[in-house]
Amino acid sequence: MSGIVVASAAAAITTVATFVVAALPDTQALLSPLTEGGNEYAVTTISVLASLPMLGIMAVFATTARE
């Protein structure tokens, strides 16, 4: 069951990311910390972007626990 959830979340994130890259001309500037070699902010940027889906899941759990 969790594999299905992870696969669905990955597909949704990939779709949104593809749309953002295609729709926004300034996406290269947004992603420049990831694409520039040797950038000191690359690790921080990757870790923040990787934690966003987990923060979303935790927010859903927190709201359902209150009900």
N, C-alpha and C. Protein backbone atom coordinates (compact mmCIF):
# COMPACT_ATOMS: atom_id res chain seq x y z
N MET A 1 0.82 -1.19 0.00
CA MET A 1 0.00 0.00 0.00
C MET A 1 0.87 1.26 0.00
N SER A 2 1.92 1.27 0.81
CA SER A 2 2.76 2.47 0.88
C SER A 2 3.53 2.68 -0.43
N GLY A 3 3.83 1.58 -1.13
CA GLY A 3 4.49 1.70 -2.43
C GLY A 3 3.62 2.43 -3.44
N ILE A 4 2.32 2.15 -3.38
CA ILE A 4 1.38 2.82 -4.28
C ILE A 4 1.31 4.30 -3.95
N VAL A 5 1.30 4.63 -2.68
CA VAL A 5 1.25 6.03 -2.26
C VAL A 5 2.51 6.76 -2.70
N VAL A 6 3.65 6.13 -2.51
CA VAL A 6 4.92 6.76 -2.90
C VAL A 6 4.98 6.94 -4.41
N ALA A 7 4.56 5.94 -5.16
CA ALA A 7 4.56 6.05 -6.62
C ALA A 7 3.60 7.13 -7.10
N SER A 8 2.45 7.22 -6.48
CA SER A 8 1.48 8.26 -6.86
C SER A 8 2.02 9.65 -6.53
N ALA A 9 2.64 9.79 -5.37
CA ALA A 9 3.22 11.09 -5.00
C ALA A 9 4.36 11.46 -5.94
N ALA A 10 5.18 10.49 -6.30
CA ALA A 10 6.29 10.77 -7.22
C ALA A 10 5.77 11.19 -8.59
N ALA A 11 4.71 10.52 -9.06
CA ALA A 11 4.13 10.88 -10.35
C ALA A 11 3.53 12.29 -10.30
N ALA A 12 2.88 12.62 -9.21
CA ALA A 12 2.28 13.95 -9.08
C ALA A 12 3.36 15.03 -9.02
N ILE A 13 4.41 14.79 -8.26
CA ILE A 13 5.49 15.76 -8.14
C ILE A 13 6.20 15.95 -9.48
N THR A 14 6.41 14.86 -10.20
CA THR A 14 7.05 14.94 -11.51
C THR A 14 6.19 15.73 -12.49
N THR A 15 4.88 15.49 -12.45
CA THR A 15 3.97 16.22 -13.34
C THR A 15 3.98 17.71 -13.04
N VAL A 16 3.90 18.06 -11.77
CA VAL A 16 3.92 19.47 -11.40
C VAL A 16 5.25 20.12 -11.76
N ALA A 17 6.34 19.44 -11.51
CA ALA A 17 7.65 20.00 -11.84
C ALA A 17 7.81 20.20 -13.34
N THR A 18 7.32 19.25 -14.13
CA THR A 18 7.39 19.39 -15.59
C THR A 18 6.57 20.58 -16.05
N PHE A 19 5.39 20.75 -15.49
CA PHE A 19 4.54 21.88 -15.85
C PHE A 19 5.21 23.20 -15.48
N VAL A 20 5.79 23.27 -14.31
CA VAL A 20 6.45 24.51 -13.87
C VAL A 20 7.61 24.85 -14.79
N VAL A 21 8.40 23.85 -15.14
CA VAL A 21 9.55 24.09 -16.01
C VAL A 21 9.09 24.55 -17.39
N ALA A 22 8.00 23.96 -17.89
CA ALA A 22 7.52 24.33 -19.21
C ALA A 22 6.81 25.68 -19.21
N ALA A 23 6.14 26.02 -18.13
CA ALA A 23 5.30 27.22 -18.11
C ALA A 23 6.06 28.49 -17.71
N LEU A 24 7.04 28.37 -16.88
CA LEU A 24 7.72 29.55 -16.35
C LEU A 24 9.07 29.74 -17.02
N PRO A 25 9.28 30.88 -17.64
CA PRO A 25 10.57 31.12 -18.29
C PRO A 25 11.72 31.34 -17.31
N ASP A 26 11.41 31.71 -16.08
CA ASP A 26 12.46 31.96 -15.10
C ASP A 26 12.82 30.74 -14.28
N THR A 27 12.43 29.57 -14.75
CA THR A 27 12.69 28.35 -14.00
C THR A 27 14.19 28.08 -13.88
N GLN A 28 14.93 28.43 -14.91
CA GLN A 28 16.38 28.21 -14.85
C GLN A 28 17.00 28.99 -13.69
N ALA A 29 16.53 30.21 -13.47
CA ALA A 29 17.05 31.00 -12.35
C ALA A 29 16.63 30.38 -11.02
N LEU A 30 15.44 29.79 -10.98
CA LEU A 30 14.96 29.14 -9.76
C LEU A 30 15.77 27.89 -9.44
N LEU A 31 16.13 27.15 -10.48
CA LEU A 31 16.86 25.90 -10.28
C LEU A 31 18.37 26.07 -10.35
N SER A 32 18.86 27.28 -10.48
CA SER A 32 20.30 27.48 -10.62
C SER A 32 21.12 26.96 -9.44
N PRO A 33 20.63 27.00 -8.19
CA PRO A 33 21.44 26.40 -7.12
C PRO A 33 21.67 24.90 -7.31
N LEU A 34 20.76 24.23 -8.01
CA LEU A 34 20.93 22.80 -8.24
C LEU A 34 21.80 22.50 -9.46
N THR A 35 21.74 23.38 -10.46
CA THR A 35 22.42 23.08 -11.71
C THR A 35 23.85 23.62 -11.78
N GLU A 36 24.19 24.59 -10.96
CA GLU A 36 25.56 25.11 -10.97
C GLU A 36 26.47 24.17 -10.20
N GLY A 37 27.56 23.83 -10.81
CA GLY A 37 28.52 22.96 -10.15
C GLY A 37 29.30 23.69 -9.07
N GLY A 38 29.46 23.05 -7.93
CA GLY A 38 30.24 23.64 -6.86
C GLY A 38 29.55 24.73 -6.08
N ASN A 39 28.26 24.83 -6.20
CA ASN A 39 27.53 25.86 -5.46
C ASN A 39 27.40 25.44 -4.00
N GLU A 40 27.67 26.36 -3.09
CA GLU A 40 27.62 26.01 -1.66
C GLU A 40 26.20 25.82 -1.15
N TYR A 41 25.21 26.30 -1.90
CA TYR A 41 23.81 26.16 -1.48
C TYR A 41 23.12 24.93 -2.07
N ALA A 42 23.82 24.14 -2.86
CA ALA A 42 23.19 23.01 -3.55
C ALA A 42 22.67 21.97 -2.55
N VAL A 43 23.44 21.63 -1.54
CA VAL A 43 23.02 20.62 -0.57
C VAL A 43 21.82 21.11 0.23
N THR A 44 21.85 22.36 0.62
CA THR A 44 20.72 22.93 1.36
C THR A 44 19.46 22.96 0.50
N THR A 45 19.59 23.35 -0.74
CA THR A 45 18.44 23.42 -1.63
C THR A 45 17.85 22.04 -1.87
N ILE A 46 18.69 21.06 -2.10
CA ILE A 46 18.21 19.70 -2.33
C ILE A 46 17.52 19.16 -1.09
N SER A 47 18.06 19.40 0.07
CA SER A 47 17.45 18.88 1.29
C SER A 47 16.11 19.55 1.59
N VAL A 48 16.00 20.84 1.31
CA VAL A 48 14.72 21.52 1.51
C VAL A 48 13.69 21.01 0.52
N LEU A 49 14.07 20.87 -0.75
CA LEU A 49 13.13 20.36 -1.74
C LEU A 49 12.73 18.91 -1.44
N ALA A 50 13.64 18.13 -0.93
CA ALA A 50 13.32 16.74 -0.61
C ALA A 50 12.41 16.63 0.61
N SER A 51 12.46 17.60 1.51
CA SER A 51 11.63 17.53 2.71
C SER A 51 10.22 18.05 2.50
N LEU A 52 9.97 18.78 1.42
CA LEU A 52 8.63 19.34 1.19
C LEU A 52 7.52 18.29 1.10
N PRO A 53 7.69 17.19 0.37
CA PRO A 53 6.61 16.19 0.34
C PRO A 53 6.32 15.61 1.73
N MET A 54 7.36 15.37 2.52
CA MET A 54 7.15 14.81 3.86
C MET A 54 6.43 15.83 4.75
N LEU A 55 6.75 17.10 4.61
CA LEU A 55 6.05 18.12 5.38
C LEU A 55 4.57 18.18 5.00
N GLY A 56 4.27 17.99 3.72
CA GLY A 56 2.88 17.95 3.28
C GLY A 56 2.13 16.77 3.87
N ILE A 57 2.77 15.62 3.89
CA ILE A 57 2.14 14.43 4.47
C ILE A 57 1.93 14.62 5.97
N MET A 58 2.92 15.20 6.64
CA MET A 58 2.77 15.44 8.08
C MET A 58 1.66 16.44 8.36
N ALA A 59 1.49 17.43 7.48
CA ALA A 59 0.40 18.39 7.66
C ALA A 59 -0.96 17.72 7.52
N VAL A 60 -1.07 16.79 6.57
CA VAL A 60 -2.33 16.04 6.42
C VAL A 60 -2.60 15.20 7.65
N PHE A 61 -1.58 14.53 8.17
CA PHE A 61 -1.75 13.73 9.39
C PHE A 61 -2.17 14.61 10.57
N ALA A 62 -1.58 15.78 10.67
CA ALA A 62 -1.91 16.67 11.79
C ALA A 62 -3.34 17.16 11.72
N THR A 63 -3.81 17.47 10.51
CA THR A 63 -5.19 17.94 10.39
C THR A 63 -6.20 16.82 10.60
N THR A 64 -5.88 15.61 10.19
CA THR A 64 -6.81 14.50 10.40
C THR A 64 -6.80 14.06 11.86
N ALA A 65 -5.70 14.26 12.54
CA ALA A 65 -5.65 13.86 13.97
C ALA A 65 -6.50 14.79 14.82
N ARG A 66 -6.68 16.02 14.40
CA ARG A 66 -7.49 16.96 15.18
C ARG A 66 -8.98 16.66 15.06
N GLU A 67 -9.38 16.05 13.97
CA GLU A 67 -10.82 15.80 13.76
C GLU A 67 -11.32 14.61 14.53
